[in-house]
PDB file of N, CA and C in Angstrom:
ATOM      1  N   MET A   1      38.008 -52.061 -56.670  1.00  0.00           N
ATOM      2  CA  MET A   1      38.909 -51.275 -56.984  1.00  0.00           C
ATOM      3  C   MET A   1      38.702 -50.416 -58.025  1.00  0.00           C
ATOM      4  N   PHE A   2      38.833 -49.635 -57.622  1.00  0.00           N
ATOM      5  CA  PHE A   2      39.149 -48.590 -59.293  1.00  0.00           C
ATOM      6  C   PHE A   2      40.737 -48.097 -59.303  1.00  0.00           C
ATOM      7  N   ALA A   3      40.320 -46.660 -60.633  1.00  0.00           N
ATOM      8  CA  ALA A   3      41.919 -46.730 -60.944  1.00  0.00           C
ATOM      9  C   ALA A   3      41.373 -45.156 -61.654  1.00  0.00           C
ATOM     10  N   VAL A   4      42.915 -44.205 -61.118  1.00  0.00           N
ATOM     11  CA  VAL A   4      42.244 -43.340 -62.393  1.00  0.00           C
ATOM     12  C   VAL A   4      43.584 -43.426 -63.473  1.00  0.00           C
ATOM     13  N   VAL A   5      43.222 -43.053 -64.990  1.00  0.00           N
ATOM     14  CA  VAL A   5      44.306 -43.703 -66.134  1.00  0.00           C
ATOM     15  C   VAL A   5      44.536 -42.552 -66.716  1.00  0.00           C
ATOM     16  N   ARG A   6      45.472 -41.906 -67.853  1.00  0.00           N
ATOM     17  CA  ARG A   6      45.585 -40.920 -68.566  1.00  0.00           C
ATOM     18  C   ARG A   6      45.523 -41.630 -70.050  1.00  0.00           C
ATOM     19  N   SER A   7      44.968 -41.322 -70.580  1.00  0.00           N
ATOM     20  CA  SER A   7      44.929 -41.567 -72.301  1.00  0.00           C
ATOM     21  C   SER A   7      44.494 -40.406 -73.403  1.00  0.00           C
ATOM     22  N   GLY A   8      45.537 -40.021 -73.615  1.00  0.00           N
ATOM     23  CA  GLY A   8      44.895 -38.939 -74.657  1.00  0.00           C
ATOM     24  C   GLY A   8      44.570 -37.823 -74.421  1.00  0.00           C
ATOM     25  N   GLY A   9      45.299 -37.370 -73.603  1.00  0.00           N
ATOM     26  CA  GLY A   9      45.534 -36.089 -72.461  1.00  0.00           C
ATOM     27  C   GLY A   9      44.566 -36.204 -71.626  1.00  0.00           C
ATOM     28  N   LYS A  10      44.137 -37.407 -71.644  1.00  0.00           N
ATOM     29  CA  LYS A  10      42.123 -37.010 -70.532  1.00  0.00           C
ATOM     30  C   LYS A  10      41.992 -38.132 -69.394  1.00  0.00           C
ATOM     31  N   GLN A  11      41.951 -38.038 -68.645  1.00  0.00           N
ATOM     32  CA  GLN A  11      41.763 -38.536 -67.091  1.00  0.00           C
ATOM     33  C   GLN A  11      40.197 -39.413 -67.095  1.00  0.00           C
ATOM     34  N   TYR A  12      40.689 -40.934 -66.524  1.00  0.00           N
ATOM     35  CA  TYR A  12      39.486 -41.743 -66.848  1.00  0.00           C
ATOM     36  C   TYR A  12      39.291 -42.294 -65.852  1.00  0.00           C
ATOM     37  N   ARG A  13      38.159 -42.752 -65.015  1.00  0.00           N
ATOM     38  CA  ARG A  13      37.841 -43.450 -63.802  1.00  0.00           C
ATOM     39  C   ARG A  13      37.038 -44.590 -64.077  1.00  0.00           C
ATOM     40  N   VAL A  14      38.108 -45.477 -63.967  1.00  0.00           N
ATOM     41  CA  VAL A  14      37.579 -47.253 -64.195  1.00  0.00           C
ATOM     42  C   VAL A  14      37.841 -48.165 -63.082  1.00  0.00           C
ATOM     43  N   ALA A  15      36.919 -48.466 -63.564  1.00  0.00           N
ATOM     44  CA  ALA A  15      36.697 -49.920 -62.766  1.00  0.00           C
ATOM     45  C   ALA A  15      37.000 -51.311 -63.484  1.00  0.00           C
ATOM     46  N   GLU A  16      37.084 -52.497 -63.242  1.00  0.00           N
ATOM     47  CA  GLU A  16      37.116 -53.851 -64.275  1.00  0.00           C
ATOM     48  C   GLU A  16      35.279 -53.957 -64.368  1.00  0.00           C
ATOM     49  N   ASN A  17      35.629 -54.000 -65.780  1.00  0.00           N
ATOM     50  CA  ASN A  17      34.564 -54.628 -66.681  1.00  0.00           C
ATOM     51  C   ASN A  17      33.265 -53.011 -67.161  1.00  0.00           C
ATOM     52  N   ASP A  18      34.381 -52.372 -67.783  1.00  0.00           N
ATOM     53  CA  ASP A  18      33.699 -50.866 -67.569  1.00  0.00           C
ATOM     54  C   ASP A  18      34.457 -50.761 -69.002  1.00  0.00           C
ATOM     55  N   VAL A  19      33.305 -50.240 -69.905  1.00  0.00           N
ATOM     56  CA  VAL A  19      33.658 -50.097 -71.488  1.00  0.00           C
ATOM     57  C   VAL A  19      34.028 -48.008 -71.796  1.00  0.00           C
ATOM     58  N   ILE A  20      34.708 -48.207 -71.703  1.00  0.00           N
ATOM     59  CA  ILE A  20      35.087 -46.521 -72.408  1.00  0.00           C
ATOM     60  C   ILE A  20      35.801 -46.057 -73.762  1.00  0.00           C
ATOM     61  N   SER A  21      35.100 -44.899 -74.159  1.00  0.00           N
ATOM     62  CA  SER A  21      36.119 -44.277 -75.256  1.00  0.00           C
ATOM     63  C   SER A  21      37.263 -43.524 -74.879  1.00  0.00           C
ATOM     64  N   VAL A  22      38.120 -43.880 -75.578  1.00  0.00           N
ATOM     65  CA  VAL A  22      39.042 -43.073 -75.332  1.00  0.00           C
ATOM     66  C   VAL A  22      39.749 -42.844 -76.868  1.00  0.00           C
ATOM     67  N   ALA A  23      40.708 -41.447 -76.657  1.00  0.00           N
ATOM     68  CA  ALA A  23      41.603 -41.248 -78.123  1.00  0.00           C
ATOM     69  C   ALA A  23      41.968 -42.467 -78.471  1.00  0.00           C
ATOM     70  N   LYS A  24      41.907 -42.682 -79.989  1.00  0.00           N
ATOM     71  CA  LYS A  24      42.310 -43.321 -81.439  1.00  0.00           C
ATOM     72  C   LYS A  24      43.369 -43.713 -81.060  1.00  0.00           C
ATOM     73  N   LEU A  25      43.436 -45.614 -80.754  1.00  0.00           N
ATOM     74  CA  LEU A  25      44.785 -46.391 -80.203  1.00  0.00           C
ATOM     75  C   LEU A  25      45.199 -46.884 -80.933  1.00  0.00           C
ATOM     76  N   GLU A  26      46.611 -47.517 -81.445  1.00  0.00           N
ATOM     77  CA  GLU A  26      46.704 -48.673 -82.477  1.00  0.00           C
ATOM     78  C   GLU A  26      46.318 -49.738 -82.191  1.00  0.00           C
ATOM     79  N   GLY A  27      46.021 -50.971 -82.619  1.00  0.00           N
ATOM     80  CA  GLY A  27      45.506 -52.057 -83.146  1.00  0.00           C
ATOM     81  C   GLY A  27      44.135 -52.363 -83.308  1.00  0.00           C
ATOM     82  N   GLU A  28      44.154 -53.558 -83.383  1.00  0.00           N
ATOM     83  CA  GLU A  28      42.984 -54.130 -84.196  1.00  0.00           C
ATOM     84  C   GLU A  28      42.050 -54.549 -82.863  1.00  0.00           C
ATOM     85  N   VAL A  29      40.790 -54.761 -83.362  1.00  0.00           N
ATOM     86  CA  VAL A  29      39.685 -55.366 -82.301  1.00  0.00           C
ATOM     87  C   VAL A  29      39.844 -56.708 -82.033  1.00  0.00           C
ATOM     88  N   GLY A  30      39.786 -56.606 -80.510  1.00  0.00           N
ATOM     89  CA  GLY A  30      39.724 -57.927 -79.763  1.00  0.00           C
ATOM     90  C   GLY A  30      41.312 -57.964 -79.240  1.00  0.00           C
ATOM     91  N   ALA A  31      42.222 -56.840 -79.467  1.00  0.00           N
ATOM     92  CA  ALA A  31      43.893 -56.715 -79.506  1.00  0.00           C
ATOM     93  C   ALA A  31      43.598 -56.226 -77.442  1.00  0.00           C
ATOM     94  N   LYS A  32      44.249 -56.965 -77.135  1.00  0.00           N
ATOM     95  CA  LYS A  32      44.788 -57.033 -75.472  1.00  0.00           C
ATOM     96  C   LYS A  32      45.907 -55.394 -75.359  1.00  0.00           C
ATOM     97  N   VAL A  33      45.278 -53.852 -74.703  1.00  0.00           N
ATOM     98  CA  VAL A  33      46.026 -52.942 -74.582  1.00  0.00           C
ATOM     99  C   VAL A  33      46.457 -52.699 -72.851  1.00  0.00           C
ATOM    100  N   ALA A  34      47.363 -52.466 -72.653  1.00  0.00           N
ATOM    101  CA  ALA A  34      48.165 -52.080 -71.156  1.00  0.00           C
ATOM    102  C   ALA A  34      47.836 -50.540 -71.118  1.00  0.00           C
ATOM    103  N   LEU A  35      47.145 -49.836 -70.651  1.00  0.00           N
ATOM    104  CA  LEU A  35      47.064 -48.384 -69.928  1.00  0.00           C
ATOM    105  C   LEU A  35      48.118 -47.992 -68.880  1.00  0.00           C
ATOM    106  N   SER A  36      49.133 -47.568 -69.238  1.00  0.00           N
ATOM    107  CA  SER A  36      50.167 -47.514 -67.973  1.00  0.00           C
ATOM    108  C   SER A  36      50.406 -46.398 -67.489  1.00  0.00           C
ATOM    109  N   ASP A  37      49.732 -44.958 -67.578  1.00  0.00           N
ATOM    110  CA  ASP A  37      49.706 -44.080 -67.016  1.00  0.00           C
ATOM    111  C   ASP A  37      48.652 -43.888 -66.317  1.00  0.00           C
ATOM    112  N   VAL A  38      49.072 -44.662 -65.092  1.00  0.00           N
ATOM    113  CA  VAL A  38      48.247 -44.927 -63.800  1.00  0.00           C
ATOM    114  C   VAL A  38      48.629 -43.578 -62.790  1.00  0.00           C
ATOM    115  N   LEU A  39      46.844 -42.869 -62.492  1.00  0.00           N
ATOM    116  CA  LEU A  39      46.784 -41.664 -61.787  1.00  0.00           C
ATOM    117  C   LEU A  39      47.288 -42.174 -60.208  1.00  0.00           C
ATOM    118  N   MET A  40      46.438 -43.153 -60.492  1.00  0.00           N
ATOM    119  CA  MET A  40      45.683 -43.267 -58.647  1.00  0.00           C
ATOM    120  C   MET A  40      44.770 -44.946 -58.490  1.00  0.00           C
ATOM    121  N   LEU A  41      45.459 -45.522 -57.699  1.00  0.00           N
ATOM    122  CA  LEU A  41      44.219 -46.237 -57.609  1.00  0.00           C
ATOM    123  C   LEU A  41      43.185 -46.262 -55.738  1.00  0.00           C
ATOM    124  N   GLY A  42      42.009 -46.805 -56.220  1.00  0.00           N
ATOM    125  CA  GLY A  42      41.276 -46.447 -54.864  1.00  0.00           C
ATOM    126  C   GLY A  42      40.709 -47.583 -54.532  1.00  0.00           C
ATOM    127  N   GLY A  43      40.097 -48.200 -53.709  1.00  0.00           N
ATOM    128  CA  GLY A  43      39.753 -49.048 -52.403  1.00  0.00           C
ATOM    129  C   GLY A  43      39.865 -48.943 -51.673  1.00  0.00           C
ATOM    130  N   ASP A  44      40.100 -50.390 -50.366  1.00  0.00           N
ATOM    131  CA  ASP A  44      40.464 -49.970 -49.364  1.00  0.00           C
ATOM    132  C   ASP A  44      41.663 -49.285 -48.332  1.00  0.00           C
ATOM    133  N   LYS A  45      42.101 -49.227 -49.890  1.00  0.00           N
ATOM    134  CA  LYS A  45      43.509 -48.642 -49.815  1.00  0.00           C
ATOM    135  C   LYS A  45      44.146 -47.309 -50.582  1.00  0.00           C
ATOM    136  N   PRO A  46      43.244 -46.481 -50.623  1.00  0.00           N
ATOM    137  CA  PRO A  46      43.866 -45.418 -51.961  1.00  0.00           C
ATOM    138  C   PRO A  46      45.070 -44.951 -51.590  1.00  0.00           C
ATOM    139  N   LYS A  47      45.652 -44.599 -52.877  1.00  0.00           N
ATOM    140  CA  LYS A  47      46.954 -44.737 -53.567  1.00  0.00           C
ATOM    141  C   LYS A  47      46.835 -43.725 -54.366  1.00  0.00           C
ATOM    142  N   SER A  48      47.836 -42.768 -54.262  1.00  0.00           N
ATOM    143  CA  SER A  48      48.063 -41.543 -55.344  1.00  0.00           C
ATOM    144  C   SER A  48      49.322 -41.864 -55.925  1.00  0.00           C
ATOM    145  N   GLY A  49      49.733 -40.913 -57.328  1.00  0.00           N
ATOM    146  CA  GLY A  49      51.083 -41.126 -57.835  1.00  0.00           C
ATOM    147  C   GLY A  49      51.489 -40.094 -57.642  1.00  0.00           C
ATOM    148  N   THR A  50      52.532 -39.664 -57.612  1.00  0.00           N
ATOM    149  CA  THR A  50      53.370 -38.295 -57.894  1.00  0.00           C
ATOM    150  C   THR A  50      54.022 -38.307 -59.233  1.00  0.00           C
ATOM    151  N   PRO A  51      54.024 -38.109 -60.319  1.00  0.00           N
ATOM    152  CA  PRO A  51      52.345 -37.899 -60.522  1.00  0.00           C
ATOM    153  C   PRO A  51      51.990 -39.384 -61.111  1.00  0.00           C
ATOM    154  N   LEU A  52      53.076 -40.781 -61.508  1.00  0.00           N
ATOM    155  CA  LEU A  52      52.663 -42.129 -61.998  1.00  0.00           C
ATOM    156  C   LEU A  52      52.795 -42.831 -60.566  1.00  0.00           C
ATOM    157  N   ILE A  53      51.703 -43.561 -60.351  1.00  0.00           N
ATOM    158  CA  ILE A  53      52.140 -44.858 -59.874  1.00  0.00           C
ATOM    159  C   ILE A  53      53.197 -45.784 -60.255  1.00  0.00           C
ATOM    160  N   SER A  54      54.318 -46.286 -59.954  1.00  0.00           N
ATOM    161  CA  SER A  54      54.850 -46.908 -60.749  1.00  0.00           C
ATOM    162  C   SER A  54      55.118 -48.199 -60.356  1.00  0.00           C
ATOM    163  N   GLY A  55      54.813 -48.988 -61.789  1.00  0.00           N
ATOM    164  CA  GLY A  55      54.535 -50.678 -62.029  1.00  0.00           C
ATOM    165  C   GLY A  55      53.498 -51.145 -61.924  1.00  0.00           C
ATOM    166  N   ALA A  56      51.998 -50.059 -61.393  1.00  0.00           N
ATOM    167  CA  ALA A  56      50.727 -50.121 -61.897  1.00  0.00           C
ATOM    168  C   ALA A  56      50.672 -50.152 -63.442  1.00  0.00           C
ATOM    169  N   SER A  57      49.152 -51.454 -63.404  1.00  0.00           N
ATOM    170  CA  SER A  57      49.020 -50.447 -64.884  1.00  0.00           C
ATOM    171  C   SER A  57      47.745 -51.034 -64.657  1.00  0.00           C
ATOM    172  N   VAL A  58      46.907 -51.144 -66.352  1.00  0.00           N
ATOM    173  CA  VAL A  58      45.451 -51.267 -66.231  1.00  0.00           C
ATOM    174  C   VAL A  58      45.635 -52.096 -67.744  1.00  0.00           C
ATOM    175  N   GLU A  59      44.670 -53.071 -67.153  1.00  0.00           N
ATOM    176  CA  GLU A  59      44.587 -54.306 -69.025  1.00  0.00           C
ATOM    177  C   GLU A  59      43.560 -53.842 -69.079  1.00  0.00           C
ATOM    178  N   ALA A  60      43.665 -53.450 -70.462  1.00  0.00           N
ATOM    179  CA  ALA A  60      42.442 -53.241 -71.568  1.00  0.00           C
ATOM    180  C   ALA A  60      42.318 -54.418 -73.375  1.00  0.00           C
ATOM    181  N   GLU A  61      40.931 -54.458 -73.539  1.00  0.00           N
ATOM    182  CA  GLU A  61      40.873 -54.611 -74.540  1.00  0.00           C
ATOM    183  C   GLU A  61      40.103 -54.022 -75.977  1.00  0.00           C
ATOM    184  N   ILE A  62      40.212 -53.837 -76.320  1.00  0.00           N
ATOM    185  CA  ILE A  62      39.634 -53.251 -78.059  1.00  0.00           C
ATOM    186  C   ILE A  62      38.661 -53.915 -78.503  1.00  0.00           C
ATOM    187  N   VAL A  63      37.495 -52.796 -78.222  1.00  0.00           N
ATOM    188  CA  VAL A  63      36.013 -53.716 -78.616  1.00  0.00           C
ATOM    189  C   VAL A  63      35.770 -52.876 -80.039  1.00  0.00           C
ATOM    190  N   GLU A  64      35.928 -51.077 -79.904  1.00  0.00           N
ATOM    191  CA  GLU A  64      35.915 -51.245 -81.899  1.00  0.00           C
ATOM    192  C   GLU A  64      36.382 -49.798 -82.074  1.00  0.00           C
ATOM    193  N   HIS A  65      36.607 -49.349 -82.863  1.00  0.00           N
ATOM    194  CA  HIS A  65      37.022 -48.512 -83.488  1.00  0.00           C
ATOM    195  C   HIS A  65      35.858 -47.746 -83.844  1.00  0.00           C
ATOM    196  N   GLY A  66      36.101 -45.903 -83.913  1.00  0.00           N
ATOM    197  CA  GLY A  66      34.501 -45.211 -84.515  1.00  0.00           C
ATOM    198  C   GLY A  66      35.103 -43.908 -84.765  1.00  0.00           C
ATOM    199  N   ARG A  67      34.454 -43.153 -85.003  1.00  0.00           N
ATOM    200  CA  ARG A  67      34.327 -41.799 -85.360  1.00  0.00           C
ATOM    201  C   ARG A  67      32.811 -41.219 -84.086  1.00  0.00           C
ATOM    202  N   GLY A  68      33.559 -39.846 -83.566  1.00  0.00           N
ATOM    203  CA  GLY A  68      32.405 -39.348 -82.781  1.00  0.00           C
ATOM    204  C   GLY A  68      31.195 -38.702 -83.901  1.00  0.00           C
ATOM    205  N   PRO A  69      30.453 -37.592 -82.870  1.00  0.00           N
ATOM    206  CA  PRO A  69      29.927 -37.200 -84.015  1.00  0.00           C
ATOM    207  C   PRO A  69      30.377 -35.394 -84.088  1.00  0.00           C
ATOM    208  N   LYS A  70      29.840 -35.168 -85.729  1.00  0.00           N
ATOM    209  CA  LYS A  70      30.320 -33.862 -86.188  1.00  0.00           C
ATOM    210  C   LYS A  70      30.232 -32.409 -85.232  1.00  0.00           C
ATOM    211  N   VAL A  71      31.634 -32.117 -85.498  1.00  0.00           N
ATOM    212  CA  VAL A  71      31.351 -30.670 -84.299  1.00  0.00           C
ATOM    213  C   VAL A  71      31.610 -29.837 -85.982  1.00  0.00           C
ATOM    214  N   ILE A  72      30.717 -28.365 -85.671  1.00  0.00           N
ATOM    215  CA  ILE A  72      30.929 -27.785 -86.635  1.00  0.00           C
ATOM    216  C   ILE A  72      31.402 -26.001 -86.065  1.00  0.00           C
ATOM    217  N   ALA A  73      32.246 -25.657 -86.808  1.00  0.00           N
ATOM    218  CA  ALA A  73      33.247 -24.909 -86.476  1.00  0.00           C
ATOM    219  C   ALA A  73      33.053 -23.658 -87.155  1.00  0.00           C
ATOM    220  N   PHE A  74      32.129 -22.695 -86.850  1.00  0.00           N
ATOM    221  CA  PHE A  74      31.470 -21.852 -87.886  1.00  0.00           C
ATOM    222  C   PHE A  74      31.921 -19.966 -87.643  1.00  0.00           C
ATOM    223  N   LYS A  75      33.134 -19.664 -88.268  1.00  0.00           N
ATOM    224  CA  LYS A  75      33.515 -18.122 -87.743  1.00  0.00           C
ATOM    225  C   LYS A  75      32.719 -17.216 -88.493  1.00  0.00           C
ATOM    226  N   LYS A  76      32.175 -15.632 -87.930  1.00  0.00           N
ATOM    227  CA  LYS A  76      31.499 -15.074 -89.667  1.00  0.00           C
ATOM    228  C   LYS A  76      31.867 -13.861 -88.226  1.00  0.00           C
ATOM    229  N   LYS A  77      32.514 -12.852 -89.955  1.00  0.00           N
ATOM    230  CA  LYS A  77      32.638 -11.876 -89.056  1.00  0.00           C
ATOM    231  C   LYS A  77      31.345 -10.381 -89.404  1.00  0.00           C
ATOM    232  N   ARG A  78      30.566  -9.947 -89.005  1.00  0.00           N
ATOM    233  CA  ARG A  78      29.458  -9.312 -89.176  1.00  0.00           C
ATOM    234  C   ARG A  78      29.956  -8.109 -90.047  1.00  0.00           C
ATOM    235  N   ARG A  79      28.817  -8.172 -91.282  1.00  0.00           N
ATOM    236  CA  ARG A  79      29.138  -6.633 -92.144  1.00  0.00           C
ATOM    237  C   ARG A  79      29.831  -6.756 -92.933  1.00  0.00           C
ATOM    238  N   LYS A  80      30.955  -7.791 -92.876  1.00  0.00           N
ATOM    239  CA  LYS A  80      31.677  -7.970 -93.859  1.00  0.00           C
ATOM    240  C   LYS A  80      31.577  -8.830 -94.568  1.00  0.00           C
ATOM    241  N   ASN A  81      30.564  -9.151 -94.841  1.00  0.00           N
ATOM    242  CA  ASN A  81      30.108 -10.634 -95.725  1.00  0.00           C
ATOM    243  C   ASN A  81      30.881 -11.830 -95.874  1.00  0.00           C
ATOM    244  N   THR A  82      31.691 -12.447 -94.689  1.00  0.00           N
ATOM    245  CA  THR A  82      32.995 -13.342 -94.216  1.00  0.00           C
ATOM    246  C   THR A  82      32.692 -13.838 -93.542  1.00  0.00           C
ATOM    247  N   HIS A  83      32.488 -14.849 -93.770  1.00  0.00           N
ATOM    248  CA  HIS A  83      32.317 -16.443 -93.106  1.00  0.00           C
ATOM    249  C   HIS A  83      33.315 -17.722 -93.684  1.00  0.00           C
ATOM    250  N   ARG A  84      33.546 -18.169 -92.511  1.00  0.00           N
ATOM    251  CA  ARG A  84      33.900 -20.230 -92.862  1.00  0.00           C
ATOM    252  C   ARG A  84      33.367 -21.049 -91.950  1.00  0.00           C
ATOM    253  N   LYS A  85      32.973 -21.756 -92.779  1.00  0.00           N
ATOM    254  CA  LYS A  85      32.130 -23.562 -91.707  1.00  0.00           C
ATOM    255  C   LYS A  85      33.247 -24.644 -91.757  1.00  0.00           C
ATOM    256  N   ARG A  86      33.788 -24.974 -91.033  1.00  0.00           N
ATOM    257  CA  ARG A  86      34.485 -26.096 -91.457  1.00  0.00           C
ATOM    258  C   ARG A  86      33.943 -27.006 -90.247  1.00  0.00           C
ATOM    259  N   GLY A  87      33.617 -28.556 -90.351  1.00  0.00           N
ATOM    260  CA  GLY A  87      33.359 -29.719 -89.415  1.00  0.00           C
ATOM    261  C   GLY A  87      34.455 -30.664 -89.821  1.00  0.00           C
ATOM    262  N   SER A  88      34.578 -31.294 -88.248  1.00  0.00           N
ATOM    263  CA  SER A  88      35.468 -32.330 -87.961  1.00  0.00           C
ATOM    264  C   SER A  88      34.816 -33.197 -87.449  1.00  0.00           C
ATOM    265  N   ARG A  89      35.303 -34.812 -87.475  1.00  0.00           N
ATOM    266  CA  ARG A  89      34.451 -35.564 -86.074  1.00  0.00           C
ATOM    267  C   ARG A  89      35.948 -35.955 -86.048  1.00  0.00           C
ATOM    268  N   GLN A  90      35.870 -36.519 -84.813  1.00  0.00           N
ATOM    269  CA  GLN A  90      37.484 -37.175 -84.049  1.00  0.00           C
ATOM    270  C   GLN A  90      36.819 -38.552 -84.277  1.00  0.00           C
ATOM    271  N   HIS A  91      38.633 -39.459 -83.960  1.00  0.00           N
ATOM    272  CA  HIS A  91      38.241 -40.662 -84.059  1.00  0.00           C
ATOM    273  C   HIS A  91      38.305 -41.003 -82.552  1.00  0.00           C
ATOM    274  N   PHE A  92      37.657 -42.505 -82.563  1.00  0.00           N
ATOM    275  CA  PHE A  92      37.741 -43.100 -80.859  1.00  0.00           C
ATOM    276  C   PHE A  92      37.710 -44.699 -81.036  1.00  0.00           C
ATOM    277  N   THR A  93      38.213 -45.114 -79.942  1.00  0.00           N
ATOM    278  CA  THR A  93      38.811 -46.326 -79.703  1.00  0.00           C
ATOM    279  C   THR A  93      37.261 -46.467 -78.357  1.00  0.00           C
ATOM    280  N   LYS A  94      36.616 -47.413 -78.160  1.00  0.00           N
ATOM    281  CA  LYS A  94      36.179 -48.041 -76.997  1.00  0.00           C
ATOM    282  C   LYS A  94      36.772 -49.630 -76.735  1.00  0.00           C
ATOM    283  N   VAL A  95      37.393 -49.250 -75.635  1.00  0.00           N
ATOM    284  CA  VAL A  95      37.767 -50.414 -74.722  1.00  0.00           C
ATOM    285  C   VAL A  95      37.230 -50.651 -73.730  1.00  0.00           C
ATOM    286  N   LYS A  96      37.490 -51.842 -72.999  1.00  0.00           N
ATOM    287  CA  LYS A  96      36.955 -52.606 -72.070  1.00  0.00           C
ATOM    288  C   LYS A  96      37.961 -53.645 -71.486  1.00  0.00           C
ATOM    289  N   ILE A  97      37.669 -52.319 -70.476  1.00  0.00           N
ATOM    290  CA  ILE A  97      38.766 -52.783 -69.118  1.00  0.00           C
ATOM    291  C   ILE A  97      38.663 -54.094 -68.425  1.00  0.00           C
ATOM    292  N   THR A  98      39.976 -55.325 -68.503  1.00  0.00           N
ATOM    293  CA  THR A  98      39.877 -56.658 -68.197  1.00  0.00           C
ATOM    294  C   THR A  98      40.383 -56.476 -66.945  1.00  0.00           C
ATOM    295  N   GLY A  99      41.244 -56.277 -66.405  1.00  0.00           N
ATOM    296  CA  GLY A  99      42.002 -56.146 -64.936  1.00  0.00           C
ATOM    297  C   GLY A  99      43.236 -54.495 -64.786  1.00  0.00           C
ATOM    298  N   ILE A 100      43.323 -54.571 -63.158  1.00  0.00           N
ATOM    299  CA  ILE A 100      43.759 -53.529 -62.488  1.00  0.00           C
ATOM    300  C   ILE A 100      44.887 -54.076 -61.784  1.00  0.00           C
ATOM    301  N   THR A 101      46.510 -53.690 -62.632  1.00  0.00           N
ATOM    302  CA  THR A 101      47.246 -54.493 -61.594  1.00  0.00           C
ATOM    303  C   THR A 101      47.729 -53.986 -60.729  1.00  0.00           C
ATOM    304  N   THR A 102      48.454 -54.102 -59.218  1.00  0.00           N
ATOM    305  CA  THR A 102      48.892 -52.824 -58.659  1.00  0.00           C
ATOM    306  C   THR A 102      50.203 -52.336 -58.634  1.00  0.00           C
ATOM    307  N   GLY A 103      51.127 -52.953 -59.180  1.00  0.00           N
ATOM    308  CA  GLY A 103      52.494 -53.173 -59.639  1.00  0.00           C
ATOM    309  C   GLY A 103      52.768 -53.506 -58.099  1.00  0.00           C
ATOM    310  N   SER A 104      52.629 -53.203 -56.826  1.00  0.00           N
ATOM    311  CA  SER A 104      53.116 -54.064 -55.679  1.00  0.00           C
ATOM    312  C   SER A 104      52.329 -54.153 -54.996  1.00  0.00           C
ATOM    313  N   GLU A 105      52.247 -55.309 -53.934  1.00  0.00           N
ATOM    314  CA  GLU A 105      50.790 -55.790 -53.298  1.00  0.00           C
ATOM    315  C   GLU A 105      51.733 -55.609 -51.788  1.00  0.00           C
ATOM    316  N   ALA A 106      51.027 -54.329 -51.740  1.00  0.00           N
ATOM    317  CA  ALA A 106      51.957 -53.399 -49.721  1.00  0.00           C
ATOM    318  C   ALA A 106      51.107 -53.293 -49.240  1.00  0.00           C
TER     319      ALA A 106
END
């Protein structure tokens, strides 16, 4: 069975024991979190929500917090001797999916 969840404005297809990187979540390493924005449940009987499936959730455990690679934003105006360079590193949280709850066993 798999599920499509929404976290941090992005959608992820997850199954049990998957490890994914999502936008930073609050909590310590080893803490349990619940991703309640479930858009679709797949498997033998696929089920999609409008837009969410009520009662369904995905349980996960925080594995680590970190920062992604540096992204450079360089802007230049030609022939004007003008340029601007800025760098940014996005924070992320790695989570391991421990279970998928369907909400109703129907």
